[in-house]
C-alpha atoms as a PDB file:
ATOM      1  CA  UNK A   1     113.604 105.859  92.102  1.00  0.00           C
ATOM      2  CA  UNK A   2     111.946 108.648  93.749  1.00  0.00           C
ATOM      3  CA  UNK A   3     109.158 107.755  96.168  1.00  0.00           C
ATOM      4  CA  UNK A   4     106.087 108.923  93.669  1.00  0.00           C
ATOM      5  CA  UNK A   5     107.767 106.642  91.064  1.00  0.00           C
ATOM      6  CA  UNK A   6     107.875 103.725  93.393  1.00  0.00           C
ATOM      7  CA  UNK A   7     104.502 104.150  94.486  1.00  0.00           C
ATOM      8  CA  UNK A   8     103.378 104.165  90.966  1.00  0.00           C
ATOM      9  CA  UNK A   9     105.303 101.048  89.859  1.00  0.00           C
ATOM     10  CA  UNK A  10     104.354  99.290  93.143  1.00  0.00           C
ATOM     11  CA  UNK A  11     100.846 100.580  92.138  1.00  0.00           C
ATOM     12  CA  UNK A  12     101.079  98.984  88.384  1.00  0.00           C
ATOM     13  CA  UNK A  13     102.545  95.823  89.715  1.00  0.00           C
ATOM     14  CA  UNK A  14      99.674  95.246  92.453  1.00  0.00           C
ATOM     15  CA  UNK A  15      96.676  95.772  89.543  1.00  0.00           C
ATOM     16  CA  UNK A  16      98.592  93.484  87.264  1.00  0.00           C
ATOM     17  CA  UNK A  17      98.596  91.022  90.119  1.00  0.00           C
ATOM     18  CA  UNK A  18      94.654  91.219  90.404  1.00  0.00           C
ATOM     19  CA  UNK A  19      94.159  91.680  86.823  1.00  0.00           C
ATOM     20  CA  UNK A  20      95.825  88.001  86.003  1.00  0.00           C
ATOM     21  CA  UNK A  21      95.247  86.112  89.369  1.00  0.00           C
ATOM     22  CA  UNK A  22      92.025  84.203  89.613  1.00  0.00           C
ATOM     23  CA  UNK A  23      91.952  83.321  93.582  1.00  0.00           C
ATOM     24  CA  UNK A  24      92.589  85.258  95.973  1.00  0.00           C
ATOM     25  CA  UNK A  25      92.122  85.767 100.254  1.00  0.00           C
ATOM     26  CA  UNK A  26      91.706  88.929 101.738  1.00  0.00           C
ATOM     27  CA  UNK A  27      92.373  90.176 105.209  1.00  0.00           C
ATOM     28  CA  UNK A  28      93.469  93.117 107.553  1.00  0.00           C
ATOM     29  CA  UNK A  29      94.699  93.934 111.071  1.00  0.00           C
ATOM     30  CA  UNK A  30      93.325  92.681 114.417  1.00  0.00           C
ATOM     31  CA  UNK A  31      90.718  94.525 115.917  1.00  0.00           C
ATOM     32  CA  UNK A  32      89.464  95.790 112.579  1.00  0.00           C
ATOM     33  CA  UNK A  33      88.101  99.331 112.432  1.00  0.00           C
ATOM     34  CA  UNK A  34      85.883 100.705 109.603  1.00  0.00           C
ATOM     35  CA  UNK A  35      88.960 101.280 107.120  1.00  0.00           C
ATOM     36  CA  UNK A  36      89.831  97.976 107.325  1.00  0.00           C
ATOM     37  CA  UNK A  37      86.105  96.257 107.278  1.00  0.00           C
ATOM     38  CA  UNK A  38      85.254  98.853 104.230  1.00  0.00           C
ATOM     39  CA  UNK A  39      88.473  98.159 102.545  1.00  0.00           C
ATOM     40  CA  UNK A  40      87.819  94.479 102.969  1.00  0.00           C
ATOM     41  CA  UNK A  41      84.120  94.392 101.726  1.00  0.00           C
ATOM     42  CA  UNK A  42      85.099  96.487  99.172  1.00  0.00           C
ATOM     43  CA  UNK A  43      87.833  94.711  97.629  1.00  0.00           C
ATOM     44  CA  UNK A  44      86.105  91.508  97.874  1.00  0.00           C
ATOM     45  CA  UNK A  45      83.088  93.039  95.964  1.00  0.00           C
ATOM     46  CA  UNK A  46      85.253  94.634  93.217  1.00  0.00           C
ATOM     47  CA  UNK A  47      87.327  91.261  92.753  1.00  0.00           C
ATOM     48  CA  UNK A  48      83.756  89.517  92.620  1.00  0.00           C
ATOM     49  CA  UNK A  49      83.002  91.905  90.172  1.00  0.00           C
ATOM     50  CA  UNK A  50      85.883  91.420  87.516  1.00  0.00           C
ATOM     51  CA  UNK A  51      84.579  87.133  88.116  1.00  0.00           C
ATOM     52  CA  UNK A  52      87.617  86.475  90.577  1.00  0.00           C
ATOM     53  CA  UNK A  53      87.160  84.074  93.245  1.00  0.00           C
ATOM     54  CA  UNK A  54      87.704  86.153  95.946  1.00  0.00           C
ATOM     55  CA  UNK A  55      87.000  85.370 100.096  1.00  0.00           C
ATOM     56  CA  UNK A  56      87.822  87.556 103.085  1.00  0.00           C
ATOM     57  CA  UNK A  57      89.254  86.205 106.143  1.00  0.00           C
ATOM     58  CA  UNK A  58      89.025  87.268 110.020  1.00  0.00           C
ATOM     59  CA  UNK A  59      89.346  85.406 112.766  1.00  0.00           C
ATOM     60  CA  UNK A  60      86.474  84.368 114.826  1.00  0.00           C
ATOM     61  CA  UNK A  61      87.674  86.272 117.809  1.00  0.00           C
ATOM     62  CA  UNK A  62      87.224  89.569 116.251  1.00  0.00           C
ATOM     63  CA  UNK A  63      83.375  88.820 116.317  1.00  0.00           C
ATOM     64  CA  UNK A  64      80.780  90.413 117.029  1.00  0.00           C
ATOM     65  CA  UNK A  65      82.203  93.083 115.669  1.00  0.00           C
ATOM     66  CA  UNK A  66      81.535  96.712 117.292  1.00  0.00           C
ATOM     67  CA  UNK A  67      78.288  97.658 117.324  1.00  0.00           C
ATOM     68  CA  UNK A  68      78.868 100.290 114.232  1.00  0.00           C
ATOM     69  CA  UNK A  69      79.780  98.312 112.143  1.00  0.00           C
ATOM     70  CA  UNK A  70      77.670  95.102 112.162  1.00  0.00           C
ATOM     71  CA  UNK A  71      75.265  96.509 109.698  1.00  0.00           C
ATOM     72  CA  UNK A  72      78.269  96.024 107.233  1.00  0.00           C
ATOM     73  CA  UNK A  73      77.492  92.887 104.704  1.00  0.00           C
ATOM     74  CA  UNK A  74      80.090  90.647 106.263  1.00  0.00           C
ATOM     75  CA  UNK A  75      78.247  87.258 106.685  1.00  0.00           C
ATOM     76  CA  UNK A  76      80.496  85.580 104.102  1.00  0.00           C
ATOM     77  CA  UNK A  77      83.803  86.155 106.359  1.00  0.00           C
ATOM     78  CA  UNK A  78      86.088  82.968 106.492  1.00  0.00           C
ATOM     79  CA  UNK A  79      87.286  82.312 110.043  1.00  0.00           C
ATOM     80  CA  UNK A  80      89.540  79.438 108.995  1.00  0.00           C
ATOM     81  CA  UNK A  81      91.698  79.420 105.867  1.00  0.00           C
ATOM     82  CA  UNK A  82      89.685  78.138 102.834  1.00  0.00           C
ATOM     83  CA  UNK A  83      91.637  74.786 102.179  1.00  0.00           C
ATOM     84  CA  UNK A  84      93.208  75.717  98.915  1.00  0.00           C
ATOM     85  CA  UNK A  85      94.816  78.650 100.720  1.00  0.00           C
ATOM     86  CA  UNK A  86      98.194  77.826  99.202  1.00  0.00           C
ATOM     87  CA  UNK A  87      96.640  78.215  95.778  1.00  0.00           C
ATOM     88  CA  UNK A  88      95.266  82.196  96.496  1.00  0.00           C
ATOM     89  CA  UNK A  89      97.447  85.315  96.229  1.00  0.00           C
ATOM     90  CA  UNK A  90      97.143  87.256  99.891  1.00  0.00           C
ATOM     91  CA  UNK A  91      96.064  90.720  99.926  1.00  0.00           C
ATOM     92  CA  UNK A  92      96.094  92.614 103.159  1.00  0.00           C
ATOM     93  CA  UNK A  93      94.147  95.523 103.910  1.00  0.00           C
ATOM     94  CA  UNK A  94      95.058  98.941 105.839  1.00  0.00           C
ATOM     95  CA  UNK A  95      97.853  96.192 107.457  1.00  0.00           C
ATOM     96  CA  UNK A  96     101.011  98.105 108.391  1.00  0.00           C
ATOM     97  CA  UNK A  97     102.443  95.581 110.016  1.00  0.00           C
ATOM     98  CA  UNK A  98     102.044  91.369 109.543  1.00  0.00           C
ATOM     99  CA  UNK A  99     102.192  90.698 113.192  1.00  0.00           C
ATOM    100  CA  UNK A 100      98.914  93.174 113.294  1.00  0.00           C
ATOM    101  CA  UNK A 101      97.098  89.966 111.607  1.00  0.00           C
ATOM    102  CA  UNK A 102      98.616  86.936 113.846  1.00  0.00           C
ATOM    103  CA  UNK A 103      97.672  84.326 111.527  1.00  0.00           C
ATOM    104  CA  UNK A 104      99.983  81.508 110.746  1.00  0.00           C
ATOM    105  CA  UNK A 105      98.733  80.638 107.417  1.00  0.00           C
ATOM    106  CA  UNK A 106     100.015  84.429 106.141  1.00  0.00           C
ATOM    107  CA  UNK A 107     103.468  83.620 107.013  1.00  0.00           C
ATOM    108  CA  UNK A 108     103.708  80.182 104.892  1.00  0.00           C
ATOM    109  CA  UNK A 109     106.704  80.405 101.857  1.00  0.00           C
ATOM    110  CA  UNK A 110     106.071  80.914  98.674  1.00  0.00           C
ATOM    111  CA  UNK A 111     103.105  83.023  98.874  1.00  0.00           C
ATOM    112  CA  UNK A 112     102.538  86.193  97.019  1.00  0.00           C
ATOM    113  CA  UNK A 113     101.103  89.004  99.379  1.00  0.00           C
ATOM    114  CA  UNK A 114     100.040  92.204  98.178  1.00  0.00           C
ATOM    115  CA  UNK A 115     100.109  95.169 100.966  1.00  0.00           C
ATOM    116  CA  UNK A 116      97.812  97.750 100.261  1.00  0.00           C
ATOM    117  CA  UNK A 117      98.051 100.534 103.039  1.00  0.00           C
ATOM    118  CA  UNK A 118      98.622 104.261 104.121  1.00  0.00           C
ATOM    119  CA  UNK A 119      99.856 103.796 107.506  1.00  0.00           C
ATOM    120  CA  UNK A 120     103.362 105.810 107.805  1.00  0.00           C
ATOM    121  CA  UNK A 121     105.482 103.371 109.761  1.00  0.00           C
ATOM    122  CA  UNK A 122     104.428 100.072 107.068  1.00  0.00           C
ATOM    123  CA  UNK A 123     107.026  97.660 107.093  1.00  0.00           C
ATOM    124  CA  UNK A 124     106.752  96.455 103.726  1.00  0.00           C
ATOM    125  CA  UNK A 125     106.238  93.446 104.557  1.00  0.00           C
ATOM    126  CA  UNK A 126     104.389  92.041 100.636  1.00  0.00           C
ATOM    127  CA  UNK A 127     105.824  90.535  97.489  1.00  0.00           C
ATOM    128  CA  UNK A 128     104.292  94.164  96.119  1.00  0.00           C
ATOM    129  CA  UNK A 129     103.915  97.031  98.621  1.00  0.00           C
ATOM    130  CA  UNK A 130     101.315  99.873  97.491  1.00  0.00           C
ATOM    131  CA  UNK A 131     101.570 102.075 100.347  1.00  0.00           C
ATOM    132  CA  UNK A 132     100.346 105.858  99.967  1.00  0.00           C
ATOM    133  CA  UNK A 133     100.954 107.701 103.332  1.00  0.00           C
ATOM    134  CA  UNK A 134      99.375 110.898 101.665  1.00  0.00           C
ATOM    135  CA  UNK A 135      95.964 108.557 101.215  1.00  0.00           C
ATOM    136  CA  UNK A 136      93.437 109.978 103.708  1.00  0.00           C
ATOM    137  CA  UNK A 137      92.533 106.092 104.197  1.00  0.00           C
ATOM    138  CA  UNK A 138      93.296 102.714 102.873  1.00  0.00           C
ATOM    139  CA  UNK A 139      89.985 102.851 101.056  1.00  0.00           C
ATOM    140  CA  UNK A 140      91.485 105.691  99.031  1.00  0.00           C
ATOM    141  CA  UNK A 141      93.627 103.215  97.384  1.00  0.00           C
ATOM    142  CA  UNK A 142      91.347 100.867  96.935  1.00  0.00           C
ATOM    143  CA  UNK A 143      89.229 102.937  95.030  1.00  0.00           C
ATOM    144  CA  UNK A 144      91.963 103.865  92.731  1.00  0.00           C
ATOM    145  CA  UNK A 145      92.547 100.046  91.868  1.00  0.00           C
ATOM    146  CA  UNK A 146      89.326  99.584  91.148  1.00  0.00           C
ATOM    147  CA  UNK A 147      89.481 102.227  88.469  1.00  0.00           C
ATOM    148  CA  UNK A 148      92.823 100.771  86.908  1.00  0.00           C
ATOM    149  CA  UNK A 149      90.715  97.564  86.703  1.00  0.00           C
ATOM    150  CA  UNK A 150      87.710  99.089  85.096  1.00  0.00           C
ATOM    151  CA  UNK A 151      85.279  97.985  88.039  1.00  0.00           C
ATOM    152  CA  UNK A 152      81.839  99.505  88.449  1.00  0.00           C
ATOM    153  CA  UNK A 153      81.460 101.585  91.165  1.00  0.00           C
ATOM    154  CA  UNK A 154      78.146 100.278  92.719  1.00  0.00           C
ATOM    155  CA  UNK A 155      76.270 101.336  95.393  1.00  0.00           C
ATOM    156  CA  UNK A 156      77.419  98.522  97.587  1.00  0.00           C
ATOM    157  CA  UNK A 157      81.019  99.292  96.516  1.00  0.00           C
ATOM    158  CA  UNK A 158      80.609 103.285  97.449  1.00  0.00           C
ATOM    159  CA  UNK A 159      78.835 102.295 100.590  1.00  0.00           C
ATOM    160  CA  UNK A 160      81.709 100.103 101.783  1.00  0.00           C
ATOM    161  CA  UNK A 161      84.666 103.015 101.108  1.00  0.00           C
ATOM    162  CA  UNK A 162      82.327 105.900 102.518  1.00  0.00           C
ATOM    163  CA  UNK A 163      82.463 103.999 105.607  1.00  0.00           C
ATOM    164  CA  UNK A 164      85.979 103.505 105.575  1.00  0.00           C
ATOM    165  CA  UNK A 165      86.767 106.994 104.297  1.00  0.00           C
ATOM    166  CA  UNK A 166      84.410 108.978 107.248  1.00  0.00           C
ATOM    167  CA  UNK A 167      85.456 106.822 109.998  1.00  0.00           C
ATOM    168  CA  UNK A 168      89.402 106.565 109.270  1.00  0.00           C
ATOM    169  CA  UNK A 169      88.951 110.848 108.830  1.00  0.00           C
ATOM    170  CA  UNK A 170      86.811 111.084 112.042  1.00  0.00           C
ATOM    171  CA  UNK A 171      84.226 112.414 110.115  1.00  0.00           C
ATOM    172  CA  UNK A 172      86.214 114.698 107.859  1.00  0.00           C
ATOM    173  CA  UNK A 173      87.372 116.581 110.799  1.00  0.00           C
ATOM    174  CA  UNK A 174      91.344 114.520 111.511  1.00  0.00           C
ATOM    175  CA  UNK A 175      94.150 115.999 109.982  1.00  0.00           C
ATOM    176  CA  UNK A 176      94.577 113.353 107.487  1.00  0.00           C
ATOM    177  CA  UNK A 177      91.045 115.094 105.788  1.00  0.00           C
ATOM    178  CA  UNK A 178      92.335 116.703 102.485  1.00  0.00           C
ATOM    179  CA  UNK A 179      90.697 118.242  99.235  1.00  0.00           C
ATOM    180  CA  UNK A 180      91.458 114.821  97.640  1.00  0.00           C
ATOM    181  CA  UNK A 181      89.284 113.280 100.697  1.00  0.00           C
ATOM    182  CA  UNK A 182      86.367 115.350 100.133  1.00  0.00           C
ATOM    183  CA  UNK A 183      87.163 114.755  96.465  1.00  0.00           C
ATOM    184  CA  UNK A 184      86.193 110.978  96.889  1.00  0.00           C
ATOM    185  CA  UNK A 185      83.243 111.665  99.313  1.00  0.00           C
ATOM    186  CA  UNK A 186      81.643 113.373  96.420  1.00  0.00           C
ATOM    187  CA  UNK A 187      82.408 110.746  94.023  1.00  0.00           C
ATOM    188  CA  UNK A 188      81.271 107.792  96.381  1.00  0.00           C
ATOM    189  CA  UNK A 189      77.591 109.791  97.115  1.00  0.00           C
ATOM    190  CA  UNK A 190      77.333 110.212  93.056  1.00  0.00           C
ATOM    191  CA  UNK A 191      77.723 106.439  93.083  1.00  0.00           C
ATOM    192  CA  UNK A 192      75.006 106.028  95.364  1.00  0.00           C
ATOM    193  CA  UNK A 193      75.508 106.580  98.952  1.00  0.00           C
ATOM    194  CA  UNK A 194      72.854 107.302 101.583  1.00  0.00           C
ATOM    195  CA  UNK A 195      74.749 109.455 103.706  1.00  0.00           C
ATOM    196  CA  UNK A 196      72.202 110.127 106.214  1.00  0.00           C
ATOM    197  CA  UNK A 197      71.155 106.243 106.771  1.00  0.00           C
ATOM    198  CA  UNK A 198      75.363 105.580 106.578  1.00  0.00           C
ATOM    199  CA  UNK A 199      75.771 108.167 109.529  1.00  0.00           C
ATOM    200  CA  UNK A 200      73.165 106.981 111.532  1.00  0.00           C
ATOM    201  CA  UNK A 201      74.137 103.520 111.325  1.00  0.00           C
ATOM    202  CA  UNK A 202      77.606 104.170 112.274  1.00  0.00           C
ATOM    203  CA  UNK A 203      76.852 107.178 115.082  1.00  0.00           C
ATOM    204  CA  UNK A 204      73.248 107.035 116.372  1.00  0.00           C
ATOM    205  CA  UNK A 205      72.699 103.467 117.059  1.00  0.00           C
ATOM    206  CA  UNK A 206      73.918 103.283 120.350  1.00  0.00           C
ATOM    207  CA  UNK A 207      72.985 100.733 122.890  1.00  0.00           C
ATOM    208  CA  UNK A 208      72.259 101.684 126.584  1.00  0.00           C
ATOM    209  CA  UNK A 209      74.976  99.697 127.894  1.00  0.00           C
ATOM    210  CA  UNK A 210      77.203 101.591 126.197  1.00  0.00           C
ATOM    211  CA  UNK A 211      75.943 104.799 127.450  1.00  0.00           C
ATOM    212  CA  UNK A 212      76.480 103.203 131.051  1.00  0.00           C
ATOM    213  CA  UNK A 213      79.670 102.088 130.267  1.00  0.00           C
ATOM    214  CA  UNK A 214      80.733 105.642 128.986  1.00  0.00           C
ATOM    215  CA  UNK A 215      79.542 107.752 132.104  1.00  0.00           C
ATOM    216  CA  UNK A 216      81.744 104.818 134.413  1.00  0.00           C
ATOM    217  CA  UNK A 217      84.846 105.490 132.151  1.00  0.00           C
ATOM    218  CA  UNK A 218      84.658 109.266 131.958  1.00  0.00           C
ATOM    219  CA  UNK A 219      84.059 109.437 135.911  1.00  0.00           C
ATOM    220  CA  UNK A 220      87.483 107.587 136.219  1.00  0.00           C
ATOM    221  CA  UNK A 221      89.467 109.856 134.145  1.00  0.00           C
ATOM    222  CA  UNK A 222      93.072 110.910 135.951  1.00  0.00           C
ATOM    223  CA  UNK A 223      95.194 113.719 134.243  1.00  0.00           C
ATOM    224  CA  UNK A 224      98.699 114.256 134.541  1.00  0.00           C
ATOM    225  CA  UNK A 225     101.797 115.991 133.598  1.00  0.00           C
ATOM    226  CA  UNK A 226      99.854 119.572 133.680  1.00  0.00           C
ATOM    227  CA  UNK A 227      96.707 118.164 132.384  1.00  0.00           C
ATOM    228  CA  UNK A 228      98.551 116.615 129.057  1.00  0.00           C
ATOM    229  CA  UNK A 229      97.861 113.413 129.796  1.00  0.00           C
ATOM    230  CA  UNK A 230      94.562 112.113 130.493  1.00  0.00           C
ATOM    231  CA  UNK A 231      93.736 108.488 131.025  1.00  0.00           C
ATOM    232  CA  UNK A 232      90.829 106.397 131.714  1.00  0.00           C
ATOM    233  CA  UNK A 233      90.147 102.730 132.846  1.00  0.00           C
ATOM    234  CA  UNK A 234      87.446 100.208 131.344  1.00  0.00           C
ATOM    235  CA  UNK A 235      87.937  97.692 133.368  1.00  0.00           C
ATOM    236  CA  UNK A 236      85.747  94.162 134.287  1.00  0.00           C
ATOM    237  CA  UNK A 237      83.989  95.911 136.881  1.00  0.00           C
ATOM    238  CA  UNK A 238      82.757  98.348 134.468  1.00  0.00           C
ATOM    239  CA  UNK A 239      81.523  95.778 132.233  1.00  0.00           C
ATOM    240  CA  UNK A 240      79.481  93.853 134.737  1.00  0.00           C
ATOM    241  CA  UNK A 241      77.837  97.296 136.264  1.00  0.00           C
ATOM    242  CA  UNK A 242      77.002  98.843 132.883  1.00  0.00           C
ATOM    243  CA  UNK A 243      76.253  95.262 131.146  1.00  0.00           C
ATOM    244  CA  UNK A 244      78.234  96.245 128.126  1.00  0.00           C
ATOM    245  CA  UNK A 245      80.839  93.724 126.699  1.00  0.00           C
ATOM    246  CA  UNK A 246      84.329  94.861 125.506  1.00  0.00           C
ATOM    247  CA  UNK A 247      83.306  96.002 121.705  1.00  0.00           C
ATOM    248  CA  UNK A 248      81.803  98.763 123.127  1.00  0.00           C
ATOM    249  CA  UNK A 249      84.687 100.541 124.508  1.00  0.00           C
ATOM    250  CA  UNK A 250      85.217 101.480 121.066  1.00  0.00           C
ATOM    251  CA  UNK A 251      85.037 105.645 121.025  1.00  0.00           C
ATOM    252  CA  UNK A 252      85.476 106.201 124.403  1.00  0.00           C
ATOM    253  CA  UNK A 253      88.792 107.740 123.800  1.00  0.00           C
ATOM    254  CA  UNK A 254      87.254 110.458 121.814  1.00  0.00           C
ATOM    255  CA  UNK A 255      85.640 111.817 124.839  1.00  0.00           C
ATOM    256  CA  UNK A 256      89.023 111.836 126.948  1.00  0.00           C
ATOM    257  CA  UNK A 257      91.291 113.196 124.142  1.00  0.00           C
ATOM    258  CA  UNK A 258      88.533 116.149 123.881  1.00  0.00           C
ATOM    259  CA  UNK A 259      89.454 117.598 127.431  1.00  0.00           C
ATOM    260  CA  UNK A 260      90.853 121.228 127.443  1.00  0.00           C
ATOM    261  CA  UNK A 261      94.702 120.776 127.242  1.00  0.00           C
ATOM    262  CA  UNK A 262      95.086 116.906 126.884  1.00  0.00           C
ATOM    263  CA  UNK A 263      97.952 116.246 124.200  1.00  0.00           C
ATOM    264  CA  UNK A 264      97.974 112.797 124.951  1.00  0.00           C
ATOM    265  CA  UNK A 265      94.816 110.534 125.842  1.00  0.00           C
ATOM    266  CA  UNK A 266      94.684 106.955 126.699  1.00  0.00           C
ATOM    267  CA  UNK A 267      91.832 104.704 127.457  1.00  0.00           C
ATOM    268  CA  UNK A 268      93.243 101.325 129.423  1.00  0.00           C
ATOM    269  CA  UNK A 269      90.845  98.437 129.169  1.00  0.00           C
ATOM    270  CA  UNK A 270      90.759  94.615 130.376  1.00  0.00           C
ATOM    271  CA  UNK A 271      90.755  91.969 127.833  1.00  0.00           C
ATOM    272  CA  UNK A 272      87.476  90.077 127.850  1.00  0.00           C
ATOM    273  CA  UNK A 273      88.947  87.263 125.562  1.00  0.00           C
ATOM    274  CA  UNK A 274      90.698  84.863 127.410  1.00  0.00           C
ATOM    275  CA  UNK A 275      94.278  84.318 124.719  1.00  0.00           C
ATOM    276  CA  UNK A 276      96.728  87.726 124.396  1.00  0.00           C
ATOM    277  CA  UNK A 277      97.306  90.040 126.748  1.00  0.00           C
ATOM    278  CA  UNK A 278      95.719  91.121 129.887  1.00  0.00           C
ATOM    279  CA  UNK A 279      94.954  94.534 128.791  1.00  0.00           C
ATOM    280  CA  UNK A 280      94.751  97.037 125.696  1.00  0.00           C
ATOM    281  CA  UNK A 281      95.709 100.862 125.580  1.00  0.00           C
ATOM    282  CA  UNK A 282      94.377 102.778 123.138  1.00  0.00           C
ATOM    283  CA  UNK A 283      96.055 106.217 122.367  1.00  0.00           C
ATOM    284  CA  UNK A 284      95.672 109.462 120.843  1.00  0.00           C
ATOM    285  CA  UNK A 285      97.853 112.481 120.364  1.00  0.00           C
ATOM    286  CA  UNK A 286      95.357 115.791 120.145  1.00  0.00           C
ATOM    287  CA  UNK A 287      97.651 118.266 118.420  1.00  0.00           C
ATOM    288  CA  UNK A 288     100.354 115.966 116.328  1.00  0.00           C
ATOM    289  CA  UNK A 289     102.875 116.631 118.927  1.00  0.00           C
ATOM    290  CA  UNK A 290     103.171 113.435 120.357  1.00  0.00           C
ATOM    291  CA  UNK A 291     103.541 110.129 117.611  1.00  0.00           C
ATOM    292  CA  UNK A 292     101.438 107.667 119.327  1.00  0.00           C
ATOM    293  CA  UNK A 293     102.136 105.089 117.278  1.00  0.00           C
ATOM    294  CA  UNK A 294     105.967 105.299 117.657  1.00  0.00           C
ATOM    295  CA  UNK A 295     104.810 104.904 121.621  1.00  0.00           C
ATOM    296  CA  UNK A 296     102.742 101.797 120.317  1.00  0.00           C
ATOM    297  CA  UNK A 297     105.523 100.102 118.421  1.00  0.00           C
ATOM    298  CA  UNK A 298     107.690 100.031 121.117  1.00  0.00           C
ATOM    299  CA  UNK A 299     105.399  97.580 123.255  1.00  0.00           C
ATOM    300  CA  UNK A 300     104.443  95.334 120.016  1.00  0.00           C
ATOM    301  CA  UNK A 301     101.495  97.239 118.452  1.00  0.00           C
ATOM    302  CA  UNK A 302     100.932 100.216 115.957  1.00  0.00           C
ATOM    303  CA  UNK A 303      98.707 102.214 113.935  1.00  0.00           C
ATOM    304  CA  UNK A 304      98.788 106.319 113.112  1.00  0.00           C
ATOM    305  CA  UNK A 305     101.003 109.010 114.412  1.00  0.00           C
ATOM    306  CA  UNK A 306      97.564 110.439 116.109  1.00  0.00           C
ATOM    307  CA  UNK A 307      95.858 106.896 116.843  1.00  0.00           C
ATOM    308  CA  UNK A 308      97.415 103.797 117.799  1.00  0.00           C
ATOM    309  CA  UNK A 309      96.861 100.943 120.359  1.00  0.00           C
ATOM    310  CA  UNK A 310      98.886  97.786 121.841  1.00  0.00           C
ATOM    311  CA  UNK A 311      98.179  95.102 124.144  1.00  0.00           C
ATOM    312  CA  UNK A 312      99.925  94.438 127.291  1.00  0.00           C
ATOM    313  CA  UNK A 313     100.191  92.718 130.706  1.00  0.00           C
ATOM    314  CA  UNK A 314     101.477  95.444 132.459  1.00  0.00           C
ATOM    315  CA  UNK A 315      99.576  96.334 135.702  1.00  0.00           C
ATOM    316  CA  UNK A 316      97.822 100.087 135.750  1.00  0.00           C
ATOM    317  CA  UNK A 317     100.689 101.956 137.722  1.00  0.00           C
ATOM    318  CA  UNK A 318     103.209 100.946 135.181  1.00  0.00           C
ATOM    319  CA  UNK A 319     101.136 101.850 132.557  1.00  0.00           C
ATOM    320  CA  UNK A 320     100.876 105.269 133.797  1.00  0.00           C
ATOM    321  CA  UNK A 321     104.557 105.767 134.478  1.00  0.00           C
ATOM    322  CA  UNK A 322     105.629 105.078 131.092  1.00  0.00           C
ATOM    323  CA  UNK A 323     102.498 107.120 129.255  1.00  0.00           C
ATOM    324  CA  UNK A 324     103.967 110.313 131.998  1.00  0.00           C
ATOM    325  CA  UNK A 325     107.844 109.780 130.351  1.00  0.00           C
ATOM    326  CA  UNK A 326     106.439 110.155 126.916  1.00  0.00           C
ATOM    327  CA  UNK A 327     104.494 113.484 127.390  1.00  0.00           C
ATOM    328  CA  UNK A 328     107.006 114.838 130.025  1.00  0.00           C
ATOM    329  CA  UNK A 329     109.812 114.032 126.966  1.00  0.00           C
ATOM    330  CA  UNK A 330     108.423 116.193 124.880  1.00  0.00           C
ATOM    331  CA  UNK A 331     108.737 120.077 124.977  1.00  0.00           C
END
């Protein structure tokens, strides 16, 4: 079966499961971003509109969310699986690998799992895998599913999908921004999205602590391999000096990747929580010549070709050496 026909068949199966099922649990990857949160919220509202019993799950450690996403109405997210989770169809959104949501109940025998995603390295871990690597964001697939289910595109659903779209395309600037992304934006705006309000909530409500943290991070930028690699560090001292918490690191890497001549940008930050790896490494490829998801997968992470990340216990010096090796190995 060719890829187009296979995707169409999987989409049919997913729509059938969602139409016939009654109870669902929706989740996404750890460290949720705009696409995962927007897709999660939109899918929950779609299923609820259709009379389904649908709950969202994200571990408590993911809260508080990054400042820019706190306006999303996610107060009813479950932090523990509901008691009837064994009877629910599991829907994973924007999750390229099952290991990116480390919740044991997702791995139980007999669970029906629908995997909806657009990452090129998705491992097809579901019973149904709607994976469209040509989609600009997972929300684009959610919108298609919604239409197939006959759901009404309400202003609330459209706004959630728009948050996913605008953030995952880098405000319509990344290489995944195509004509379909702009057509989707037009459709969502026609459905009631307030573009100005959404933009201000996402990008113009910056706490002073974040600017102080940004200043400290920019001051620590180092460049290697003829300036092709740019790296900065956000350590515990930076949190203390700025008064910021870890979630305010979000977005700093965009300033690092903007440096002229940079092919690979990295932000190495200390983790504030007690569990898991000591550091998190965020990676960005500026021109697409380096597949950062490939680097991230080597170290237990994942993501897109141009945006990925992983957790690690390696000290800064070893991290720098492995990133330099990745850059120097490319022509």
